[in-house]
Amino acid sequence: MASNPAQTQVDTRDVVYTIEHVAALFHVKVDSAREYTYRKDFPSAHQLGARLL
């Protein structure tokens, strides 16, 4: 994980995003992005193996 989310390269053609992708897209820290996921208007995560995407 990069220390500066703004410098993380994100391929927007991906159909699923990890929390690290979301943080990079919104230019926030991973903890802040995780808080977004608790909002009712944020898309729900899907289980893929041991990860939520």
Protein backbone atom coordinates (compact mmCIF):
# COMPACT_ATOMS: atom_id res chain seq x y z
CA MET A 1 0.00 0.00 0.00
CA ALA A 2 1.34 3.40 -0.95
CA SER A 3 1.76 6.02 1.74
CA ASN A 4 0.26 8.70 -0.49
CA PRO A 5 -3.05 7.57 -2.05
CA ALA A 6 -2.92 10.36 -4.65
CA GLN A 7 0.17 8.74 -6.19
CA THR A 8 -1.43 5.29 -6.50
CA GLN A 9 -2.18 4.36 -10.10
CA VAL A 10 -5.68 3.01 -10.62
CA ASP A 11 -6.90 1.23 -13.74
CA THR A 12 -10.49 2.48 -14.01
CA ARG A 13 -11.33 -0.35 -16.41
CA ASP A 14 -11.37 -2.75 -13.43
CA VAL A 15 -14.88 -3.91 -12.60
CA VAL A 16 -14.17 -4.32 -8.87
CA TYR A 17 -12.28 -2.04 -6.53
CA THR A 18 -10.44 -2.77 -3.32
CA ILE A 19 -10.49 -0.27 -0.47
CA GLU A 20 -7.08 0.88 -1.69
CA HIS A 21 -8.58 1.62 -5.13
CA VAL A 22 -11.43 3.59 -3.57
CA ALA A 23 -8.99 5.60 -1.43
CA ALA A 24 -6.87 6.43 -4.46
CA LEU A 25 -9.89 7.43 -6.57
CA PHE A 26 -11.20 9.77 -3.86
CA HIS A 27 -7.69 10.99 -2.89
CA VAL A 28 -8.21 10.07 0.74
CA LYS A 29 -6.58 7.71 3.22
CA VAL A 30 -7.75 4.11 3.39
CA ASP A 31 -9.42 4.74 6.77
CA SER A 32 -11.43 7.62 5.30
CA ALA A 33 -12.43 5.51 2.29
CA ARG A 34 -13.57 2.74 4.64
CA GLU A 35 -15.86 5.26 6.38
CA TYR A 36 -17.46 6.03 2.98
CA THR A 37 -18.38 2.36 2.64
CA TYR A 38 -20.67 2.61 5.68
CA ARG A 39 -22.88 5.19 3.96
CA LYS A 40 -26.24 3.97 2.71
CA ASP A 41 -25.70 5.60 -0.70
CA PHE A 42 -22.36 3.80 -1.26
CA PRO A 43 -22.45 0.57 -3.33
CA SER A 44 -22.34 -2.56 -1.21
CA ALA A 45 -19.26 -4.80 -1.16
CA HIS A 46 -19.18 -8.33 -2.54
CA GLN A 47 -17.31 -11.26 -1.05
CA LEU A 48 -14.66 -12.76 -3.35
CA GLY A 49 -12.77 -15.44 -1.50
CA ALA A 50 -11.47 -13.91 1.73
CA ARG A 51 -11.76 -10.32 0.46
CA LEU A 52 -14.57 -7.82 0.27
CA LEU A 53 -14.54 -5.94 -3.03
